[in-house]
PDB file of N, CA and C in Angstrom:
ATOM      1  N   UNK A   1       5.515  19.538 -25.693  1.00  0.00           N
ATOM      2  CA  UNK A   1       6.393  20.439 -24.956  1.00  0.00           C
ATOM      3  C   UNK A   1       7.159  19.625 -23.928  1.00  0.00           C
ATOM      4  N   UNK A   2       8.472  19.745 -23.930  1.00  0.00           N
ATOM      5  CA  UNK A   2       9.308  18.981 -23.019  1.00  0.00           C
ATOM      6  C   UNK A   2       9.474  19.666 -21.676  1.00  0.00           C
ATOM      7  N   UNK A   3      10.346  19.117 -20.896  1.00  0.00           N
ATOM      8  CA  UNK A   3      10.647  19.679 -19.581  1.00  0.00           C
ATOM      9  C   UNK A   3      11.765  20.713 -19.696  1.00  0.00           C
ATOM     10  N   UNK A   4      11.742  21.699 -18.817  1.00  0.00           N
ATOM     11  CA  UNK A   4      12.853  22.643 -18.754  1.00  0.00           C
ATOM     12  C   UNK A   4      14.007  21.957 -18.036  1.00  0.00           C
ATOM     13  N   UNK A   5      15.200  22.522 -18.136  1.00  0.00           N
ATOM     14  CA  UNK A   5      16.347  21.919 -17.454  1.00  0.00           C
ATOM     15  C   UNK A   5      16.156  21.949 -15.941  1.00  0.00           C
ATOM     16  N   UNK A   6      15.407  22.918 -15.450  1.00  0.00           N
ATOM     17  CA  UNK A   6      15.157  23.018 -14.009  1.00  0.00           C
ATOM     18  C   UNK A   6      14.188  21.927 -13.546  1.00  0.00           C
ATOM     19  N   UNK A   7      13.163  21.677 -14.354  1.00  0.00           N
ATOM     20  CA  UNK A   7      12.210  20.612 -14.028  1.00  0.00           C
ATOM     21  C   UNK A   7      12.899  19.252 -14.070  1.00  0.00           C
ATOM     22  N   UNK A   8      13.717  19.049 -15.089  1.00  0.00           N
ATOM     23  CA  UNK A   8      14.439  17.781 -15.217  1.00  0.00           C
ATOM     24  C   UNK A   8      15.359  17.563 -14.015  1.00  0.00           C
ATOM     25  N   UNK A   9      16.078  18.608 -13.614  1.00  0.00           N
ATOM     26  CA  UNK A   9      16.978  18.501 -12.463  1.00  0.00           C
ATOM     27  C   UNK A   9      16.198  18.175 -11.192  1.00  0.00           C
ATOM     28  N   UNK A  10      15.049  18.788 -11.022  1.00  0.00           N
ATOM     29  CA  UNK A  10      14.223  18.539  -9.834  1.00  0.00           C
ATOM     30  C   UNK A  10      13.681  17.118  -9.823  1.00  0.00           C
ATOM     31  N   UNK A  11      13.223  16.644 -10.977  1.00  0.00           N
ATOM     32  CA  UNK A  11      12.674  15.290 -11.081  1.00  0.00           C
ATOM     33  C   UNK A  11      13.756  14.254 -10.798  1.00  0.00           C
ATOM     34  N   UNK A  12      14.896  14.395 -11.466  1.00  0.00           N
ATOM     35  CA  UNK A  12      15.980  13.422 -11.299  1.00  0.00           C
ATOM     36  C   UNK A  12      16.531  13.472  -9.880  1.00  0.00           C
ATOM     37  N   UNK A  13      16.700  14.671  -9.334  1.00  0.00           N
ATOM     38  CA  UNK A  13      17.206  14.803  -7.965  1.00  0.00           C
ATOM     39  C   UNK A  13      16.273  14.189  -6.939  1.00  0.00           C
ATOM     40  N   UNK A  14      14.986  14.422  -7.099  1.00  0.00           N
ATOM     41  CA  UNK A  14      13.998  13.853  -6.174  1.00  0.00           C
ATOM     42  C   UNK A  14      13.978  12.339  -6.265  1.00  0.00           C
ATOM     43  N   UNK A  15      14.026  11.829  -7.483  1.00  0.00           N
ATOM     44  CA  UNK A  15      14.002  10.374  -7.668  1.00  0.00           C
ATOM     45  C   UNK A  15      15.288   9.737  -7.135  1.00  0.00           C
ATOM     46  N   UNK A  16      16.435  10.401  -7.334  1.00  0.00           N
ATOM     47  CA  UNK A  16      17.702   9.877  -6.815  1.00  0.00           C
ATOM     48  C   UNK A  16      17.669   9.808  -5.289  1.00  0.00           C
ATOM     49  N   UNK A  17      17.072  10.803  -4.652  1.00  0.00           N
ATOM     50  CA  UNK A  17      16.931  10.788  -3.194  1.00  0.00           C
ATOM     51  C   UNK A  17      16.067   9.607  -2.761  1.00  0.00           C
ATOM     52  N   UNK A  18      14.973   9.380  -3.468  1.00  0.00           N
ATOM     53  CA  UNK A  18      14.112   8.245  -3.141  1.00  0.00           C
ATOM     54  C   UNK A  18      14.878   6.928  -3.256  1.00  0.00           C
ATOM     55  N   UNK A  19      15.648   6.774  -4.330  1.00  0.00           N
ATOM     56  CA  UNK A  19      16.421   5.547  -4.539  1.00  0.00           C
ATOM     57  C   UNK A  19      17.449   5.370  -3.431  1.00  0.00           C
ATOM     58  N   UNK A  20      18.127   6.459  -3.068  1.00  0.00           N
ATOM     59  CA  UNK A  20      19.153   6.364  -2.020  1.00  0.00           C
ATOM     60  C   UNK A  20      18.552   6.042  -0.658  1.00  0.00           C
ATOM     61  N   UNK A  21      17.259   6.340  -0.479  1.00  0.00           N
ATOM     62  CA  UNK A  21      16.579   6.030   0.782  1.00  0.00           C
ATOM     63  C   UNK A  21      15.917   4.652   0.754  1.00  0.00           C
ATOM     64  N   UNK A  22      16.133   3.895  -0.315  1.00  0.00           N
ATOM     65  CA  UNK A  22      15.663   2.517  -0.358  1.00  0.00           C
ATOM     66  C   UNK A  22      14.446   2.242  -1.217  1.00  0.00           C
ATOM     67  N   UNK A  23      13.991   3.221  -1.994  1.00  0.00           N
ATOM     68  CA  UNK A  23      12.841   2.993  -2.877  1.00  0.00           C
ATOM     69  C   UNK A  23      13.224   1.992  -3.969  1.00  0.00           C
ATOM     70  N   UNK A  24      12.268   1.192  -4.430  1.00  0.00           N
ATOM     71  CA  UNK A  24      12.591   0.216  -5.477  1.00  0.00           C
ATOM     72  C   UNK A  24      12.918   0.909  -6.801  1.00  0.00           C
ATOM     73  N   UNK A  25      13.819   0.302  -7.550  1.00  0.00           N
ATOM     74  CA  UNK A  25      14.204   0.818  -8.864  1.00  0.00           C
ATOM     75  C   UNK A  25      13.117   0.416  -9.859  1.00  0.00           C
ATOM     76  N   UNK A  26      12.680   1.353 -10.686  1.00  0.00           N
ATOM     77  CA  UNK A  26      11.569   1.124 -11.605  1.00  0.00           C
ATOM     78  C   UNK A  26      11.980   0.442 -12.905  1.00  0.00           C
ATOM     79  N   UNK A  27      13.280   0.289 -13.129  1.00  0.00           N
ATOM     80  CA  UNK A  27      13.782  -0.370 -14.329  1.00  0.00           C
ATOM     81  C   UNK A  27      14.318  -1.747 -13.978  1.00  0.00           C
ATOM     82  N   UNK A  28      14.298  -2.625 -14.952  1.00  0.00           N
ATOM     83  CA  UNK A  28      14.941  -3.927 -14.792  1.00  0.00           C
ATOM     84  C   UNK A  28      16.397  -3.759 -15.221  1.00  0.00           C
ATOM     85  N   UNK A  29      17.301  -3.719 -14.249  1.00  0.00           N
ATOM     86  CA  UNK A  29      18.726  -3.583 -14.536  1.00  0.00           C
ATOM     87  C   UNK A  29      19.444  -4.829 -14.047  1.00  0.00           C
ATOM     88  N   UNK A  30      20.361  -5.331 -14.865  1.00  0.00           N
ATOM     89  CA  UNK A  30      21.135  -6.504 -14.465  1.00  0.00           C
ATOM     90  C   UNK A  30      22.220  -6.077 -13.473  1.00  0.00           C
ATOM     91  N   UNK A  31      22.791  -7.062 -12.800  1.00  0.00           N
ATOM     92  CA  UNK A  31      23.892  -6.780 -11.868  1.00  0.00           C
ATOM     93  C   UNK A  31      25.044  -6.104 -12.600  1.00  0.00           C
ATOM     94  N   UNK A  32      25.314  -6.553 -13.838  1.00  0.00           N
ATOM     95  CA  UNK A  32      26.410  -5.973 -14.622  1.00  0.00           C
ATOM     96  C   UNK A  32      26.158  -4.490 -14.890  1.00  0.00           C
ATOM     97  N   UNK A  33      24.919  -4.148 -15.272  1.00  0.00           N
ATOM     98  CA  UNK A  33      24.580  -2.744 -15.534  1.00  0.00           C
ATOM     99  C   UNK A  33      24.713  -1.903 -14.267  1.00  0.00           C
ATOM    100  N   UNK A  34      24.246  -2.450 -13.140  1.00  0.00           N
ATOM    101  CA  UNK A  34      24.354  -1.721 -11.877  1.00  0.00           C
ATOM    102  C   UNK A  34      25.809  -1.517 -11.475  1.00  0.00           C
ATOM    103  N   UNK A  35      26.650  -2.522 -11.717  1.00  0.00           N
ATOM    104  CA  UNK A  35      28.074  -2.389 -11.404  1.00  0.00           C
ATOM    105  C   UNK A  35      28.743  -1.365 -12.313  1.00  0.00           C
ATOM    106  N   UNK A  36      28.319  -1.312 -13.591  1.00  0.00           N
ATOM    107  CA  UNK A  36      28.894  -0.345 -14.530  1.00  0.00           C
ATOM    108  C   UNK A  36      28.625   1.088 -14.089  1.00  0.00           C
ATOM    109  N   UNK A  37      27.437   1.337 -13.540  1.00  0.00           N
ATOM    110  CA  UNK A  37      27.129   2.690 -13.071  1.00  0.00           C
ATOM    111  C   UNK A  37      27.408   2.843 -11.577  1.00  0.00           C
ATOM    112  N   UNK A  38      28.026   1.815 -11.002  1.00  0.00           N
ATOM    113  CA  UNK A  38      28.493   1.822  -9.605  1.00  0.00           C
ATOM    114  C   UNK A  38      27.369   2.093  -8.610  1.00  0.00           C
ATOM    115  N   UNK A  39      26.190   1.587  -8.911  1.00  0.00           N
ATOM    116  CA  UNK A  39      25.024   1.724  -8.024  1.00  0.00           C
ATOM    117  C   UNK A  39      24.731   3.185  -7.675  1.00  0.00           C
ATOM    118  N   UNK A  40      25.103   4.107  -8.565  1.00  0.00           N
ATOM    119  CA  UNK A  40      24.923   5.542  -8.355  1.00  0.00           C
ATOM    120  C   UNK A  40      23.441   5.907  -8.520  1.00  0.00           C
ATOM    121  N   UNK A  41      22.785   6.397  -7.447  1.00  0.00           N
ATOM    122  CA  UNK A  41      21.354   6.701  -7.549  1.00  0.00           C
ATOM    123  C   UNK A  41      21.025   7.790  -8.573  1.00  0.00           C
ATOM    124  N   UNK A  42      21.940   8.729  -8.791  1.00  0.00           N
ATOM    125  CA  UNK A  42      21.684   9.787  -9.783  1.00  0.00           C
ATOM    126  C   UNK A  42      21.680   9.197 -11.191  1.00  0.00           C
ATOM    127  N   UNK A  43      22.623   8.315 -11.472  1.00  0.00           N
ATOM    128  CA  UNK A  43      22.664   7.689 -12.800  1.00  0.00           C
ATOM    129  C   UNK A  43      21.468   6.767 -13.012  1.00  0.00           C
ATOM    130  N   UNK A  44      21.053   6.076 -11.957  1.00  0.00           N
ATOM    131  CA  UNK A  44      19.864   5.223 -12.057  1.00  0.00           C
ATOM    132  C   UNK A  44      18.636   6.092 -12.329  1.00  0.00           C
ATOM    133  N   UNK A  45      18.505   7.209 -11.606  1.00  0.00           N
ATOM    134  CA  UNK A  45      17.373   8.121 -11.803  1.00  0.00           C
ATOM    135  C   UNK A  45      17.386   8.715 -13.211  1.00  0.00           C
ATOM    136  N   UNK A  46      18.565   9.041 -13.729  1.00  0.00           N
ATOM    137  CA  UNK A  46      18.668   9.561 -15.103  1.00  0.00           C
ATOM    138  C   UNK A  46      18.179   8.520 -16.107  1.00  0.00           C
ATOM    139  N   UNK A  47      18.581   7.263 -15.916  1.00  0.00           N
ATOM    140  CA  UNK A  47      18.127   6.184 -16.806  1.00  0.00           C
ATOM    141  C   UNK A  47      16.606   6.043 -16.736  1.00  0.00           C
ATOM    142  N   UNK A  48      16.056   6.105 -15.526  1.00  0.00           N
ATOM    143  CA  UNK A  48      14.601   6.011 -15.372  1.00  0.00           C
ATOM    144  C   UNK A  48      13.908   7.167 -16.090  1.00  0.00           C
ATOM    145  N   UNK A  49      14.463   8.377 -15.963  1.00  0.00           N
ATOM    146  CA  UNK A  49      13.881   9.548 -16.627  1.00  0.00           C
ATOM    147  C   UNK A  49      13.941   9.390 -18.146  1.00  0.00           C
ATOM    148  N   UNK A  50      15.094   8.967 -18.656  1.00  0.00           N
ATOM    149  CA  UNK A  50      15.265   8.802 -20.100  1.00  0.00           C
ATOM    150  C   UNK A  50      14.350   7.715 -20.659  1.00  0.00           C
ATOM    151  N   UNK A  51      14.099   6.669 -19.871  1.00  0.00           N
ATOM    152  CA  UNK A  51      13.214   5.584 -20.302  1.00  0.00           C
ATOM    153  C   UNK A  51      11.740   5.940 -20.123  1.00  0.00           C
ATOM    154  N   UNK A  52      11.464   7.009 -19.384  1.00  0.00           N
ATOM    155  CA  UNK A  52      10.088   7.467 -19.205  1.00  0.00           C
ATOM    156  C   UNK A  52       9.263   6.638 -18.240  1.00  0.00           C
ATOM    157  N   UNK A  53       9.893   6.105 -17.194  1.00  0.00           N
ATOM    158  CA  UNK A  53       9.159   5.256 -16.251  1.00  0.00           C
ATOM    159  C   UNK A  53       8.840   5.949 -14.932  1.00  0.00           C
ATOM    160  N   UNK A  54       9.230   7.202 -14.769  1.00  0.00           N
ATOM    161  CA  UNK A  54       8.951   7.923 -13.526  1.00  0.00           C
ATOM    162  C   UNK A  54       7.577   8.583 -13.641  1.00  0.00           C
ATOM    163  N   UNK A  55       6.603   8.141 -12.841  1.00  0.00           N
ATOM    164  CA  UNK A  55       5.283   8.787 -12.882  1.00  0.00           C
ATOM    165  C   UNK A  55       5.315  10.091 -12.081  1.00  0.00           C
ATOM    166  N   UNK A  56       5.054  11.207 -12.739  1.00  0.00           N
ATOM    167  CA  UNK A  56       5.149  12.507 -12.067  1.00  0.00           C
ATOM    168  C   UNK A  56       4.214  13.500 -12.734  1.00  0.00           C
ATOM    169  N   UNK A  57       3.748  14.473 -11.967  1.00  0.00           N
ATOM    170  CA  UNK A  57       2.946  15.576 -12.499  1.00  0.00           C
ATOM    171  C   UNK A  57       3.655  16.881 -12.167  1.00  0.00           C
ATOM    172  N   UNK A  58       3.855  17.720 -13.168  1.00  0.00           N
ATOM    173  CA  UNK A  58       4.514  19.015 -13.004  1.00  0.00           C
ATOM    174  C   UNK A  58       3.449  20.103 -13.103  1.00  0.00           C
ATOM    175  N   UNK A  59       3.478  21.044 -12.170  1.00  0.00           N
ATOM    176  CA  UNK A  59       2.567  22.188 -12.216  1.00  0.00           C
ATOM    177  C   UNK A  59       3.390  23.418 -12.572  1.00  0.00           C
ATOM    178  N   UNK A  60       3.051  24.029 -13.699  1.00  0.00           N
ATOM    179  CA  UNK A  60       3.724  25.250 -14.140  1.00  0.00           C
ATOM    180  C   UNK A  60       2.803  26.432 -13.861  1.00  0.00           C
ATOM    181  N   UNK A  61       3.303  27.402 -13.103  1.00  0.00           N
ATOM    182  CA  UNK A  61       2.539  28.615 -12.796  1.00  0.00           C
ATOM    183  C   UNK A  61       2.909  29.710 -13.790  1.00  0.00           C
ATOM    184  N   UNK A  62       1.901  30.416 -14.269  1.00  0.00           N
ATOM    185  CA  UNK A  62       2.093  31.495 -15.222  1.00  0.00           C
ATOM    186  C   UNK A  62       1.568  32.799 -14.637  1.00  0.00           C
ATOM    187  N   UNK A  63       2.012  33.942 -15.178  1.00  0.00           N
ATOM    188  CA  UNK A  63       1.498  35.226 -14.707  1.00  0.00           C
ATOM    189  C   UNK A  63      -0.023  35.293 -14.877  1.00  0.00           C
ATOM    190  N   UNK A  64      -0.655  36.015 -13.984  1.00  0.00           N
ATOM    191  CA  UNK A  64      -2.102  36.150 -14.047  1.00  0.00           C
ATOM    192  C   UNK A  64      -2.830  35.043 -13.301  1.00  0.00           C
ATOM    193  N   UNK A  65      -2.090  34.236 -12.572  1.00  0.00           N
ATOM    194  CA  UNK A  65      -2.711  33.181 -11.776  1.00  0.00           C
ATOM    195  C   UNK A  65      -3.050  31.909 -12.539  1.00  0.00           C
ATOM    196  N   UNK A  66      -2.684  31.842 -13.800  1.00  0.00           N
ATOM    197  CA  UNK A  66      -2.965  30.633 -14.572  1.00  0.00           C
ATOM    198  C   UNK A  66      -1.885  29.586 -14.299  1.00  0.00           C
ATOM    199  N   UNK A  67      -2.256  28.331 -14.496  1.00  0.00           N
ATOM    200  CA  UNK A  67      -1.281  27.261 -14.338  1.00  0.00           C
ATOM    201  C   UNK A  67      -1.568  26.136 -15.327  1.00  0.00           C
ATOM    202  N   UNK A  68      -0.569  25.305 -15.505  1.00  0.00           N
ATOM    203  CA  UNK A  68      -0.665  24.172 -16.420  1.00  0.00           C
ATOM    204  C   UNK A  68      -0.166  22.933 -15.685  1.00  0.00           C
ATOM    205  N   UNK A  69      -0.891  21.838 -15.810  1.00  0.00           N
ATOM    206  CA  UNK A  69      -0.454  20.569 -15.246  1.00  0.00           C
ATOM    207  C   UNK A  69       0.064  19.692 -16.373  1.00  0.00           C
ATOM    208  N   UNK A  70       1.247  19.146 -16.174  1.00  0.00           N
ATOM    209  CA  UNK A  70       1.845  18.259 -17.168  1.00  0.00           C
ATOM    210  C   UNK A  70       2.050  16.907 -16.510  1.00  0.00           C
ATOM    211  N   UNK A  71       1.285  15.921 -16.965  1.00  0.00           N
ATOM    212  CA  UNK A  71       1.398  14.578 -16.403  1.00  0.00           C
ATOM    213  C   UNK A  71       2.375  13.762 -17.224  1.00  0.00           C
ATOM    214  N   UNK A  72       3.186  13.019 -16.531  1.00  0.00           N
ATOM    215  CA  UNK A  72       4.145  12.123 -17.164  1.00  0.00           C
ATOM    216  C   UNK A  72       3.952  10.772 -16.511  1.00  0.00           C
ATOM    217  N   UNK A  73       3.267   9.891 -17.189  1.00  0.00           N
ATOM    218  CA  UNK A  73       2.980   8.574 -16.640  1.00  0.00           C
ATOM    219  C   UNK A  73       4.027   7.586 -17.127  1.00  0.00           C
ATOM    220  N   UNK A  74       4.040   6.447 -16.502  1.00  0.00           N
ATOM    221  CA  UNK A  74       4.980   5.400 -16.893  1.00  0.00           C
ATOM    222  C   UNK A  74       4.820   5.099 -18.381  1.00  0.00           C
ATOM    223  N   UNK A  75       5.940   5.015 -19.061  1.00  0.00           N
ATOM    224  CA  UNK A  75       6.026   4.699 -20.487  1.00  0.00           C
ATOM    225  C   UNK A  75       5.498   5.791 -21.404  1.00  0.00           C
ATOM    226  N   UNK A  76       5.326   7.031 -20.905  1.00  0.00           N
ATOM    227  CA  UNK A  76       5.055   8.190 -21.760  1.00  0.00           C
ATOM    228  C   UNK A  76       6.407   8.700 -22.225  1.00  0.00           C
ATOM    229  N   UNK A  77       6.724   8.522 -23.481  1.00  0.00           N
ATOM    230  CA  UNK A  77       8.028   8.969 -23.975  1.00  0.00           C
ATOM    231  C   UNK A  77       7.895  10.360 -24.557  1.00  0.00           C
ATOM    232  N   UNK A  78       8.900  11.195 -24.285  1.00  0.00           N
ATOM    233  CA  UNK A  78       8.928  12.566 -24.799  1.00  0.00           C
ATOM    234  C   UNK A  78       9.676  12.577 -26.104  1.00  0.00           C
TER     235      UNK A  78
END
């Protein structure tokens, strides 16, 4: 089961904020690649998400008080 568009937006947005505040980039990107995407933290975060290197756990709440935890560890590809 993949992520919803809302979960994806939250993950990428949160990671882009971290990058813009000085967090290290989790991918090995060359200077040329960084210049091509103009050092845009959102594009960098999207690349990290697509490559599956962002370690994150999503908690989905369901009716009746049930919930599901979805772990996404580094190099877990969807």
